[in-house]
């Protein structure tokens, strides 16, 4: 297994890495946009290659003027890799050595329906195991709420909606 930084061409044309992962997904157009803006860079993007096949990738993000990446945004290991967490941990550790830093890991977990809950839990589990093995041990969980037009607009609150001590 070869672990190495990506080439610019591999980032601009992310072919051959099929993704249907329930967390941490990035589409090809968004990836190209981030590369063009200098927020994702080849030297901040590391791959694990088995023969001619990319089996894992870790993509770190930074601002256009950043000297080092600020956050790990995408961590993917193909489902047929026997120990996804171990390979991901090795990939992260090698890159951190080159960066002389351990940028934070940002993992956005979607609100899943009950059918997807186990897939999301598994996707988070191996990533969490890999991050901890690579020395990323601080965990901060944030909830993100999103309003959609289908939810409608709530009725305005009246003073009588509050207990008397808040009036």
N, C-alpha and C. Protein backbone atom coordinates (compact mmCIF):
# COMPACT_ATOMS: atom_id res chain seq x y z
N UNK A 1 0.85 -1.17 0.00
CA UNK A 1 0.00 0.00 0.00
C UNK A 1 0.90 1.23 0.00
N UNK A 2 0.65 2.12 -0.91
CA UNK A 2 1.41 3.36 -1.03
C UNK A 2 0.54 4.50 -0.49
N UNK A 3 1.09 5.27 0.44
CA UNK A 3 0.39 6.45 0.97
C UNK A 3 1.17 7.66 0.51
N UNK A 4 0.45 8.58 -0.17
CA UNK A 4 1.13 9.71 -0.79
C UNK A 4 0.17 10.88 -0.97
N UNK A 5 0.74 12.09 -1.18
CA UNK A 5 -0.12 13.23 -1.51
C UNK A 5 -0.73 13.03 -2.90
N UNK A 6 -1.84 13.66 -3.13
CA UNK A 6 -2.51 13.60 -4.42
C UNK A 6 -1.80 14.49 -5.43
N UNK A 7 -2.09 14.28 -6.68
CA UNK A 7 -1.63 15.20 -7.72
C UNK A 7 -2.78 16.17 -8.01
N UNK A 8 -2.46 17.29 -8.61
CA UNK A 8 -3.51 18.27 -8.96
C UNK A 8 -4.53 17.62 -9.89
N UNK A 9 -4.08 16.85 -10.86
CA UNK A 9 -5.01 16.20 -11.79
C UNK A 9 -5.98 15.26 -11.07
N UNK A 10 -5.49 14.55 -10.05
CA UNK A 10 -6.35 13.64 -9.30
C UNK A 10 -7.43 14.40 -8.53
N UNK A 11 -7.10 15.60 -8.09
CA UNK A 11 -8.09 16.40 -7.37
C UNK A 11 -9.08 17.06 -8.33
N UNK A 12 -8.60 17.52 -9.47
CA UNK A 12 -9.47 18.21 -10.42
C UNK A 12 -10.38 17.24 -11.17
N UNK A 13 -9.95 16.02 -11.34
CA UNK A 13 -10.76 15.00 -12.01
C UNK A 13 -10.85 13.77 -11.12
N UNK A 14 -11.70 13.83 -10.10
CA UNK A 14 -11.76 12.74 -9.12
C UNK A 14 -12.51 11.51 -9.64
N UNK A 15 -12.00 10.93 -10.70
CA UNK A 15 -12.64 9.73 -11.26
C UNK A 15 -12.13 8.50 -10.54
N UNK A 16 -12.91 7.45 -10.62
CA UNK A 16 -12.47 6.18 -10.08
C UNK A 16 -12.67 6.01 -8.59
N UNK A 17 -13.27 6.99 -7.92
CA UNK A 17 -13.49 6.86 -6.49
C UNK A 17 -14.98 7.03 -6.24
N UNK A 18 -15.70 5.96 -6.49
CA UNK A 18 -17.16 5.99 -6.33
C UNK A 18 -17.50 6.22 -4.86
N UNK A 19 -18.47 7.08 -4.64
CA UNK A 19 -18.85 7.40 -3.27
C UNK A 19 -20.36 7.31 -3.11
N UNK A 20 -20.77 6.59 -2.12
CA UNK A 20 -22.16 6.66 -1.66
C UNK A 20 -22.14 6.50 -0.15
N UNK A 21 -21.24 7.23 0.46
CA UNK A 21 -21.03 7.21 1.90
C UNK A 21 -22.07 8.11 2.56
N UNK A 22 -22.65 7.68 3.68
CA UNK A 22 -23.69 8.50 4.31
C UNK A 22 -23.17 9.73 5.05
N UNK A 23 -21.85 9.87 5.24
CA UNK A 23 -21.28 11.06 5.88
C UNK A 23 -20.05 11.51 5.09
N UNK A 24 -19.72 12.77 5.22
CA UNK A 24 -18.49 13.28 4.64
C UNK A 24 -18.42 13.22 3.13
N UNK A 25 -19.55 13.34 2.45
CA UNK A 25 -19.57 13.23 0.99
C UNK A 25 -19.19 14.56 0.35
N UNK A 26 -18.45 14.49 -0.74
CA UNK A 26 -18.14 15.67 -1.55
C UNK A 26 -18.36 15.30 -3.01
N UNK A 27 -19.11 16.13 -3.73
CA UNK A 27 -19.33 15.84 -5.14
C UNK A 27 -18.19 16.44 -5.97
N UNK A 28 -18.06 15.96 -7.19
CA UNK A 28 -16.94 16.35 -8.05
C UNK A 28 -16.92 17.86 -8.33
N UNK A 29 -18.08 18.46 -8.55
CA UNK A 29 -18.12 19.90 -8.84
C UNK A 29 -17.65 20.73 -7.65
N UNK A 30 -18.11 20.37 -6.45
CA UNK A 30 -17.68 21.09 -5.25
C UNK A 30 -16.19 20.92 -5.01
N UNK A 31 -15.71 19.72 -5.26
CA UNK A 31 -14.28 19.44 -5.11
C UNK A 31 -13.46 20.32 -6.05
N UNK A 32 -13.85 20.37 -7.32
CA UNK A 32 -13.13 21.21 -8.30
C UNK A 32 -13.17 22.69 -7.89
N UNK A 33 -14.30 23.14 -7.39
CA UNK A 33 -14.44 24.54 -6.96
C UNK A 33 -13.49 24.85 -5.80
N UNK A 34 -13.40 23.96 -4.82
CA UNK A 34 -12.51 24.16 -3.67
C UNK A 34 -11.04 24.14 -4.11
N UNK A 35 -10.69 23.26 -5.05
CA UNK A 35 -9.31 23.19 -5.56
C UNK A 35 -8.98 24.47 -6.31
N UNK A 36 -9.89 24.92 -7.17
CA UNK A 36 -9.65 26.14 -7.96
C UNK A 36 -9.47 27.35 -7.06
N UNK A 37 -10.16 27.38 -5.94
CA UNK A 37 -10.07 28.51 -5.01
C UNK A 37 -8.86 28.40 -4.08
N UNK A 38 -8.15 27.28 -4.11
CA UNK A 38 -6.97 27.11 -3.27
C UNK A 38 -7.29 26.69 -1.84
N UNK A 39 -8.53 26.27 -1.61
CA UNK A 39 -8.91 25.82 -0.26
C UNK A 39 -8.66 24.33 -0.05
N UNK A 40 -8.60 23.56 -1.11
CA UNK A 40 -8.12 22.18 -1.10
C UNK A 40 -6.91 22.15 -2.03
N UNK A 41 -5.85 21.53 -1.58
CA UNK A 41 -4.61 21.53 -2.36
C UNK A 41 -4.04 20.11 -2.44
N UNK A 42 -3.30 19.82 -3.49
CA UNK A 42 -2.70 18.49 -3.62
C UNK A 42 -1.84 18.11 -2.42
N UNK A 43 -1.06 19.04 -1.90
CA UNK A 43 -0.18 18.73 -0.78
C UNK A 43 -0.95 18.51 0.52
N UNK A 44 -2.22 18.91 0.55
CA UNK A 44 -3.08 18.69 1.72
C UNK A 44 -4.04 17.53 1.50
N UNK A 45 -3.90 16.85 0.38
CA UNK A 45 -4.81 15.76 0.02
C UNK A 45 -4.00 14.49 -0.11
N UNK A 46 -4.29 13.52 0.72
CA UNK A 46 -3.48 12.30 0.77
C UNK A 46 -4.31 11.09 0.38
N UNK A 47 -3.67 10.19 -0.38
CA UNK A 47 -4.32 8.99 -0.88
C UNK A 47 -3.58 7.76 -0.41
N UNK A 48 -4.32 6.68 -0.24
CA UNK A 48 -3.74 5.35 -0.07
C UNK A 48 -4.05 4.62 -1.38
N UNK A 49 -3.00 4.11 -2.02
CA UNK A 49 -3.14 3.49 -3.33
C UNK A 49 -2.70 2.04 -3.24
N UNK A 50 -3.56 1.16 -3.72
CA UNK A 50 -3.26 -0.27 -3.76
C UNK A 50 -3.16 -0.64 -5.23
N UNK A 51 -1.92 -0.83 -5.71
CA UNK A 51 -1.71 -1.04 -7.15
C UNK A 51 -2.01 0.25 -7.88
N UNK A 52 -3.02 0.23 -8.74
CA UNK A 52 -3.41 1.44 -9.46
C UNK A 52 -4.74 1.99 -8.94
N UNK A 53 -5.23 1.45 -7.86
CA UNK A 53 -6.55 1.80 -7.32
C UNK A 53 -6.42 2.65 -6.06
N UNK A 54 -7.06 3.80 -6.05
CA UNK A 54 -7.13 4.64 -4.85
C UNK A 54 -8.17 4.01 -3.94
N UNK A 55 -7.75 3.60 -2.75
CA UNK A 55 -8.66 2.93 -1.82
C UNK A 55 -9.03 3.81 -0.62
N UNK A 56 -8.30 4.90 -0.43
CA UNK A 56 -8.61 5.81 0.67
C UNK A 56 -8.12 7.21 0.32
N UNK A 57 -8.81 8.20 0.86
CA UNK A 57 -8.36 9.58 0.66
C UNK A 57 -8.75 10.41 1.87
N UNK A 58 -7.89 11.36 2.17
CA UNK A 58 -8.13 12.32 3.24
C UNK A 58 -7.84 13.70 2.65
N UNK A 59 -8.82 14.58 2.74
CA UNK A 59 -8.69 15.91 2.14
C UNK A 59 -8.82 16.96 3.23
N UNK A 60 -7.76 17.73 3.40
CA UNK A 60 -7.75 18.80 4.40
C UNK A 60 -8.06 20.11 3.72
N UNK A 61 -8.70 20.99 4.45
CA UNK A 61 -9.15 22.28 3.95
C UNK A 61 -8.41 23.41 4.66
N UNK A 62 -8.20 24.49 3.95
CA UNK A 62 -7.63 25.70 4.54
C UNK A 62 -8.12 26.91 3.77
N UNK A 63 -7.88 28.08 4.33
CA UNK A 63 -8.21 29.30 3.60
C UNK A 63 -7.21 29.48 2.45
N UNK A 64 -7.57 30.34 1.54
CA UNK A 64 -6.71 30.58 0.38
C UNK A 64 -5.31 31.02 0.78
N UNK A 65 -5.20 31.74 1.91
CA UNK A 65 -3.91 32.26 2.35
C UNK A 65 -3.25 31.40 3.44
N UNK A 66 -3.81 30.25 3.74
CA UNK A 66 -3.26 29.39 4.79
C UNK A 66 -1.95 28.75 4.36
N UNK A 67 -1.01 28.70 5.30
CA UNK A 67 0.25 27.98 5.05
C UNK A 67 0.07 26.49 5.28
N UNK A 68 -0.80 26.16 6.23
CA UNK A 68 -1.09 24.76 6.57
C UNK A 68 -2.60 24.56 6.53
N UNK A 69 -3.01 23.31 6.36
CA UNK A 69 -4.46 23.07 6.40
C UNK A 69 -5.01 23.32 7.80
N UNK A 70 -6.27 23.71 7.84
CA UNK A 70 -6.92 24.03 9.12
C UNK A 70 -7.80 22.89 9.62
N UNK A 71 -8.37 22.11 8.69
CA UNK A 71 -9.31 21.08 9.12
C UNK A 71 -9.36 19.94 8.11
N UNK A 72 -9.49 18.74 8.63
CA UNK A 72 -9.75 17.56 7.79
C UNK A 72 -11.24 17.58 7.49
N UNK A 73 -11.58 17.74 6.22
CA UNK A 73 -12.98 17.82 5.84
C UNK A 73 -13.54 16.51 5.31
N UNK A 74 -12.72 15.70 4.65
CA UNK A 74 -13.22 14.48 4.02
C UNK A 74 -12.27 13.33 4.30
N UNK A 75 -12.81 12.24 4.78
CA UNK A 75 -12.04 11.02 5.02
C UNK A 75 -12.86 9.86 4.46
N UNK A 76 -12.33 9.23 3.43
CA UNK A 76 -13.04 8.15 2.76
C UNK A 76 -12.12 6.93 2.64
N UNK A 77 -12.65 5.78 2.96
CA UNK A 77 -11.98 4.50 2.71
C UNK A 77 -13.03 3.60 2.08
N UNK A 78 -12.68 2.98 0.97
CA UNK A 78 -13.63 2.12 0.29
C UNK A 78 -14.11 1.00 1.21
N UNK A 79 -15.35 0.62 1.04
CA UNK A 79 -16.00 -0.35 1.92
C UNK A 79 -15.35 -1.73 1.87
N UNK A 80 -14.68 -2.08 0.77
CA UNK A 80 -14.10 -3.42 0.68
C UNK A 80 -12.69 -3.52 1.28
N UNK A 81 -12.20 -2.44 1.86
CA UNK A 81 -10.90 -2.48 2.55
C UNK A 81 -11.11 -3.19 3.89
N UNK A 82 -10.29 -4.22 4.19
CA UNK A 82 -10.53 -5.04 5.38
C UNK A 82 -10.57 -4.27 6.71
N UNK A 83 -9.65 -3.37 6.98
CA UNK A 83 -9.65 -2.63 8.24
C UNK A 83 -9.61 -1.14 7.91
N UNK A 84 -10.78 -0.60 7.68
CA UNK A 84 -10.89 0.80 7.25
C UNK A 84 -10.27 1.75 8.27
N UNK A 85 -10.54 1.53 9.55
CA UNK A 85 -10.05 2.43 10.59
C UNK A 85 -8.52 2.43 10.63
N UNK A 86 -7.90 1.26 10.52
CA UNK A 86 -6.44 1.18 10.58
C UNK A 86 -5.80 1.90 9.40
N UNK A 87 -6.34 1.70 8.20
CA UNK A 87 -5.78 2.37 7.03
C UNK A 87 -5.98 3.88 7.14
N UNK A 88 -7.16 4.30 7.57
CA UNK A 88 -7.41 5.74 7.72
C UNK A 88 -6.49 6.35 8.77
N UNK A 89 -6.25 5.65 9.87
CA UNK A 89 -5.35 6.15 10.92
C UNK A 89 -3.93 6.31 10.38
N UNK A 90 -3.47 5.36 9.59
CA UNK A 90 -2.13 5.46 9.00
C UNK A 90 -2.06 6.62 8.03
N UNK A 91 -3.09 6.80 7.23
CA UNK A 91 -3.15 7.90 6.28
C UNK A 91 -3.09 9.24 7.03
N UNK A 92 -3.88 9.39 8.07
CA UNK A 92 -3.89 10.63 8.86
C UNK A 92 -2.54 10.87 9.53
N UNK A 93 -1.98 9.85 10.12
CA UNK A 93 -0.70 10.00 10.83
C UNK A 93 0.42 10.42 9.89
N UNK A 94 0.48 9.82 8.72
CA UNK A 94 1.54 10.20 7.75
C UNK A 94 1.38 11.65 7.32
N UNK A 95 0.16 12.05 7.03
CA UNK A 95 -0.07 13.44 6.61
C UNK A 95 0.24 14.41 7.75
N UNK A 96 -0.16 14.08 8.96
CA UNK A 96 0.12 14.96 10.10
C UNK A 96 1.62 15.15 10.29
N UNK A 97 2.39 14.11 10.06
CA UNK A 97 3.85 14.22 10.14
C UNK A 97 4.36 15.22 9.12
N UNK A 98 3.85 15.15 7.92
CA UNK A 98 4.28 16.09 6.86
C UNK A 98 3.81 17.52 7.16
N UNK A 99 2.62 17.67 7.73
CA UNK A 99 2.09 18.99 8.03
C UNK A 99 2.76 19.61 9.26
N UNK A 100 3.40 18.80 10.09
CA UNK A 100 3.92 19.24 11.39
C UNK A 100 2.79 19.81 12.24
N UNK A 101 1.61 19.22 12.08
CA UNK A 101 0.43 19.68 12.82
C UNK A 101 -0.65 18.61 12.72
N UNK A 102 -1.61 18.72 13.63
CA UNK A 102 -2.79 17.85 13.59
C UNK A 102 -4.02 18.75 13.48
N UNK A 103 -4.40 19.10 12.25
CA UNK A 103 -5.60 19.94 12.10
C UNK A 103 -6.83 19.23 12.66
N UNK A 104 -7.81 20.02 13.04
CA UNK A 104 -9.03 19.42 13.58
C UNK A 104 -9.77 18.66 12.48
N UNK A 105 -10.61 17.75 12.89
CA UNK A 105 -11.40 16.95 11.97
C UNK A 105 -12.84 17.40 12.07
N UNK A 106 -13.39 17.83 10.95
CA UNK A 106 -14.78 18.27 10.90
C UNK A 106 -15.58 17.20 10.18
N UNK A 107 -16.46 16.54 10.91
CA UNK A 107 -17.29 15.50 10.33
C UNK A 107 -18.74 15.93 10.43
N UNK A 108 -19.34 16.18 9.29
CA UNK A 108 -20.73 16.60 9.25
C UNK A 108 -21.58 15.35 9.09
N UNK A 109 -22.44 15.14 10.06
CA UNK A 109 -23.31 13.97 10.06
C UNK A 109 -24.72 14.44 9.75
N UNK A 110 -25.29 13.93 8.68
CA UNK A 110 -26.64 14.37 8.32
C UNK A 110 -27.68 13.81 9.28
N UNK A 111 -28.81 14.49 9.31
CA UNK A 111 -29.95 13.94 10.04
C UNK A 111 -30.46 12.80 9.18
N UNK A 112 -30.43 11.62 9.74
CA UNK A 112 -30.79 10.44 8.96
C UNK A 112 -32.16 9.94 9.35
N UNK A 113 -32.82 9.36 8.39
CA UNK A 113 -34.07 8.67 8.69
C UNK A 113 -33.73 7.36 9.38
N UNK A 114 -34.69 6.69 9.92
CA UNK A 114 -34.41 5.46 10.66
C UNK A 114 -33.74 4.41 9.80
N UNK A 115 -34.04 4.36 8.51
CA UNK A 115 -33.42 3.37 7.63
C UNK A 115 -31.92 3.56 7.53
N UNK A 116 -31.47 4.81 7.61
CA UNK A 116 -30.05 5.12 7.42
C UNK A 116 -29.27 5.18 8.72
N UNK A 117 -29.93 5.13 9.86
CA UNK A 117 -29.25 5.29 11.14
C UNK A 117 -28.07 4.34 11.33
N UNK A 118 -28.22 3.07 11.00
CA UNK A 118 -27.13 2.11 11.22
C UNK A 118 -25.97 2.39 10.26
N UNK A 119 -26.26 2.80 9.04
CA UNK A 119 -25.19 3.12 8.08
C UNK A 119 -24.42 4.35 8.54
N UNK A 120 -25.12 5.35 9.05
CA UNK A 120 -24.47 6.56 9.55
C UNK A 120 -23.62 6.20 10.78
N UNK A 121 -24.18 5.41 11.68
CA UNK A 121 -23.44 5.02 12.89
C UNK A 121 -22.16 4.27 12.53
N UNK A 122 -22.22 3.37 11.57
CA UNK A 122 -21.02 2.63 11.15
C UNK A 122 -20.00 3.57 10.51
N UNK A 123 -20.47 4.49 9.67
CA UNK A 123 -19.56 5.43 9.00
C UNK A 123 -18.86 6.33 10.02
N UNK A 124 -19.57 6.75 11.05
CA UNK A 124 -18.97 7.58 12.09
C UNK A 124 -18.02 6.75 12.94
N UNK A 125 -18.37 5.51 13.24
CA UNK A 125 -17.59 4.65 14.13
C UNK A 125 -16.17 4.43 13.64
N UNK A 126 -15.99 4.00 12.39
CA UNK A 126 -14.62 3.74 11.94
C UNK A 126 -13.82 5.02 11.79
N UNK A 127 -14.49 6.12 11.46
CA UNK A 127 -13.80 7.41 11.37
C UNK A 127 -13.34 7.87 12.75
N UNK A 128 -14.21 7.71 13.73
CA UNK A 128 -13.85 8.10 15.10
C UNK A 128 -12.68 7.26 15.60
N UNK A 129 -12.72 5.96 15.35
CA UNK A 129 -11.62 5.07 15.74
C UNK A 129 -10.31 5.49 15.08
N UNK A 130 -10.37 5.80 13.79
CA UNK A 130 -9.17 6.24 13.06
C UNK A 130 -8.63 7.55 13.60
N UNK A 131 -9.52 8.51 13.83
CA UNK A 131 -9.10 9.82 14.33
C UNK A 131 -8.43 9.69 15.69
N UNK A 132 -9.00 8.89 16.57
CA UNK A 132 -8.41 8.70 17.90
C UNK A 132 -7.05 8.02 17.80
N UNK A 133 -6.92 7.03 16.92
CA UNK A 133 -5.64 6.34 16.75
C UNK A 133 -4.57 7.28 16.18
N UNK A 134 -5.00 8.30 15.42
CA UNK A 134 -4.08 9.27 14.84
C UNK A 134 -3.83 10.46 15.77
N UNK A 135 -4.36 10.40 16.99
CA UNK A 135 -4.10 11.45 17.97
C UNK A 135 -5.10 12.57 18.01
N UNK A 136 -6.20 12.45 17.28
CA UNK A 136 -7.25 13.45 17.32
C UNK A 136 -8.27 12.99 18.36
N UNK A 137 -8.07 13.44 19.59
CA UNK A 137 -8.84 12.88 20.69
C UNK A 137 -9.91 13.82 21.26
N UNK A 138 -9.86 15.09 20.93
CA UNK A 138 -10.85 16.03 21.43
C UNK A 138 -12.11 15.95 20.55
N UNK A 139 -13.25 15.77 21.18
CA UNK A 139 -14.50 15.65 20.45
C UNK A 139 -15.43 16.78 20.87
N UNK A 140 -15.91 17.50 19.88
CA UNK A 140 -16.90 18.54 20.10
C UNK A 140 -18.06 18.22 19.17
N UNK A 141 -19.23 18.06 19.74
CA UNK A 141 -20.40 17.79 18.93
C UNK A 141 -21.27 19.03 18.90
N UNK A 142 -21.71 19.37 17.70
CA UNK A 142 -22.59 20.53 17.53
C UNK A 142 -23.84 20.07 16.79
N UNK A 143 -24.96 20.62 17.17
CA UNK A 143 -26.19 20.36 16.46
C UNK A 143 -26.43 21.51 15.49
N UNK A 144 -26.86 21.17 14.30
CA UNK A 144 -27.18 22.19 13.32
C UNK A 144 -28.65 22.05 12.96
N UNK A 145 -29.39 23.11 13.13
CA UNK A 145 -30.80 23.09 12.82
C UNK A 145 -31.02 23.83 11.50
N UNK A 146 -31.93 23.32 10.73
CA UNK A 146 -32.17 23.92 9.43
C UNK A 146 -33.68 24.08 9.23
N UNK A 147 -34.07 25.27 8.83
CA UNK A 147 -35.46 25.53 8.53
C UNK A 147 -35.68 25.32 7.04
N UNK A 148 -36.78 24.71 6.67
CA UNK A 148 -37.13 24.55 5.26
C UNK A 148 -38.52 25.16 5.05
N UNK A 149 -38.78 25.65 3.86
CA UNK A 149 -40.10 26.24 3.59
C UNK A 149 -41.25 25.26 3.88
N UNK A 150 -41.01 23.98 3.69
CA UNK A 150 -42.06 22.99 3.94
C UNK A 150 -42.49 22.97 5.41
N UNK A 151 -41.61 23.42 6.29
CA UNK A 151 -41.93 23.44 7.72
C UNK A 151 -42.89 24.57 8.07
N UNK A 152 -43.00 25.54 7.19
CA UNK A 152 -43.88 26.67 7.47
C UNK A 152 -43.27 27.65 8.44
N UNK A 153 -43.96 28.72 8.68
CA UNK A 153 -43.49 29.75 9.59
C UNK A 153 -44.29 29.64 10.89
N UNK A 154 -43.62 29.60 12.04
CA UNK A 154 -44.37 29.49 13.30
C UNK A 154 -45.18 30.75 13.58
N UNK A 155 -46.22 30.57 14.35
CA UNK A 155 -47.04 31.71 14.76
C UNK A 155 -46.22 32.60 15.68
N UNK A 156 -46.43 33.89 15.64
CA UNK A 156 -45.70 34.80 16.54
C UNK A 156 -46.02 34.46 18.00
N UNK A 157 -45.03 34.64 18.86
CA UNK A 157 -45.23 34.40 20.29
C UNK A 157 -45.95 35.58 20.91
N UNK A 158 -46.79 35.29 21.91
CA UNK A 158 -47.49 36.33 22.66
C UNK A 158 -46.97 36.29 24.08
N UNK A 159 -47.15 37.36 24.81
CA UNK A 159 -46.69 37.42 26.21
C UNK A 159 -47.31 36.30 27.03
N UNK A 160 -48.51 35.91 26.72
CA UNK A 160 -49.18 34.86 27.48
C UNK A 160 -48.57 33.47 27.22
N UNK A 161 -47.72 33.35 26.21
CA UNK A 161 -47.05 32.07 25.92
C UNK A 161 -45.93 31.78 26.91
N UNK A 162 -45.52 32.79 27.71
CA UNK A 162 -44.41 32.63 28.63
C UNK A 162 -44.93 32.54 30.07
N UNK A 163 -44.23 31.81 30.92
CA UNK A 163 -44.62 31.80 32.34
C UNK A 163 -44.51 33.22 32.89
N UNK A 164 -45.25 33.50 33.94
CA UNK A 164 -45.33 34.86 34.48
C UNK A 164 -43.97 35.41 34.92
N UNK A 165 -43.05 34.57 35.35
CA UNK A 165 -41.75 35.07 35.82
C UNK A 165 -40.89 35.63 34.68
N UNK A 166 -41.27 35.35 33.42
CA UNK A 166 -40.49 35.86 32.28
C UNK A 166 -41.13 37.10 31.65
N UNK A 167 -42.20 37.58 32.23
CA UNK A 167 -42.87 38.75 31.64
C UNK A 167 -42.28 40.02 32.14
